[in-house]
Amino acid sequence: MKTAYIQATAGISGDMLLGCLLNVGLPIETLGKSLEKLHISGYRIEHIESSRGMIRGTQVIVHQEENTTHGYSIHDFTNLVQNSDLSEETKSKSISVLRKLEAAEILVHGEGHELHELGDLDTIIDIVGVIAGFESLNIDKIYCSPLPLGWGIINTRKGPLPIPAPATSHLINMSNARVVPPTKEYMEAGELVTPTGAAIITTLASFDPPSFSVNRIGYGVGSRDIPTLPNVISIWLGETEQSLEQNVVSTLETNIDDSTPELIGYVTEKLLASGALDVWITPIYMKKNRPGVTLSVLSTLEYQDKLLSLMLQETSTLGVRIINSNRYAADREIMTLNTSLGNVNIKVKKINDAITSISPEYEDCKNIALSQEVPLYEVFRIVELEARNILGII
């Protein structure tokens, strides 16, 4: 399996990711042909060899002509992608990134807010260019190091904002990405993770540390010269031998016989919202034949302590059992497909790079069934059939 690892020492931005891809071997002509499929004009991409500190890499600059439209909305960008000649994979992932950006902006500013400084052409060029670039390099799996938070204040068209910007903070929070709190070197660095960079990397990458054989390394250079650290990120390309992803997960369990169904339901929802991979309830009989339940929580090691504390605080239990296990997981991704009923997220399962099964997301299908007054089972049938045709699955 072809693997990419992003070492985000100086943060993440769309232009630095593009620089990494070009530096590691993506031909500029291939990038240009991918972007031509958007059918937009009024921009020019410049790529130059540049240095930060003692590290050389590729810097990407997107020049936008003065008479070109500014202030694109998420809806505008989404229409550009949907009406393009890009591959279905690039379309799906690009729309997922745009949806994340929109969700983060709504959390910060509320419904109907304009995209402001994210809304120029360089935003969609960064998003589509990076996603199409990974596809052109035939990368199957992407990992990323923890993201440095940075420190300070950034001035925007709408006034000063804290670093990281609120939209960036929400994007990191929504994805449970790992972060690095600011140290002395980062205190004077300013903004390191941009909203666009955060949306791209949290959509495409996993933040678990990978194990793979490296065969190529590339460097992407940022636009600023930071005194305290080299403004460079790197990409490491290689191969993983295992077709299944392995990690360690924790099962947290406790037996409860003095709680109400309402309280158990509340705790279940809160555990899932706090990072649990899964939560389930098993009916049991306890001492003196008292009916009770076993509350089981599946967690990554990262969230184990947080979920343990929540179980102790929110239930009447006096103790929680923890069992650590090796978990092997098939590769999976969420793709947004444009069906005859509307956009639907599809969970795609892969083994050895081959798609073995697909599953339409229930919430998307439910919303379509309610809004269009179509039986839910029929929505599932139509969406799965069209998804199989789009993805070439028999």
Foldseek 3Di string as FASTA:
>chain_A
DKEKEKEQPLFFDLQLLLFQLVQFPQDPVLLVVQVVQLVDDQKDKDWDWDWFDHDITIGIDIGGHPPDDWQAALVNLLVSLVPGPHALQLNFLLNQLSVLLVVLVCVVPNPPDGSAPCTGPVLSSSSSSSRSSCVVVVHDAYEYEAGEQAFDWDAGPVGIATTPGSSLVVLCVVLVGHHDYDDPLRHQSPHRYHNSRSSRDSQGHDHDDDDFDFDTKHKGADPDHRPRDGRIMMMTIGDDPAQWDKDKKKKKKDKDQPDDPVLLVVLQVVLVSQAFPHWDWAWDQDPPRGIIIMIITIHHPVCVVVNLVSCVVSGPTPDMDMDMDMDIHFDWHWTWGQFPLGTWIKIFGDGPNDTDDIFTDQVVLVVSCVVVVNDSVVSRVRVRVVVCVSVVHD
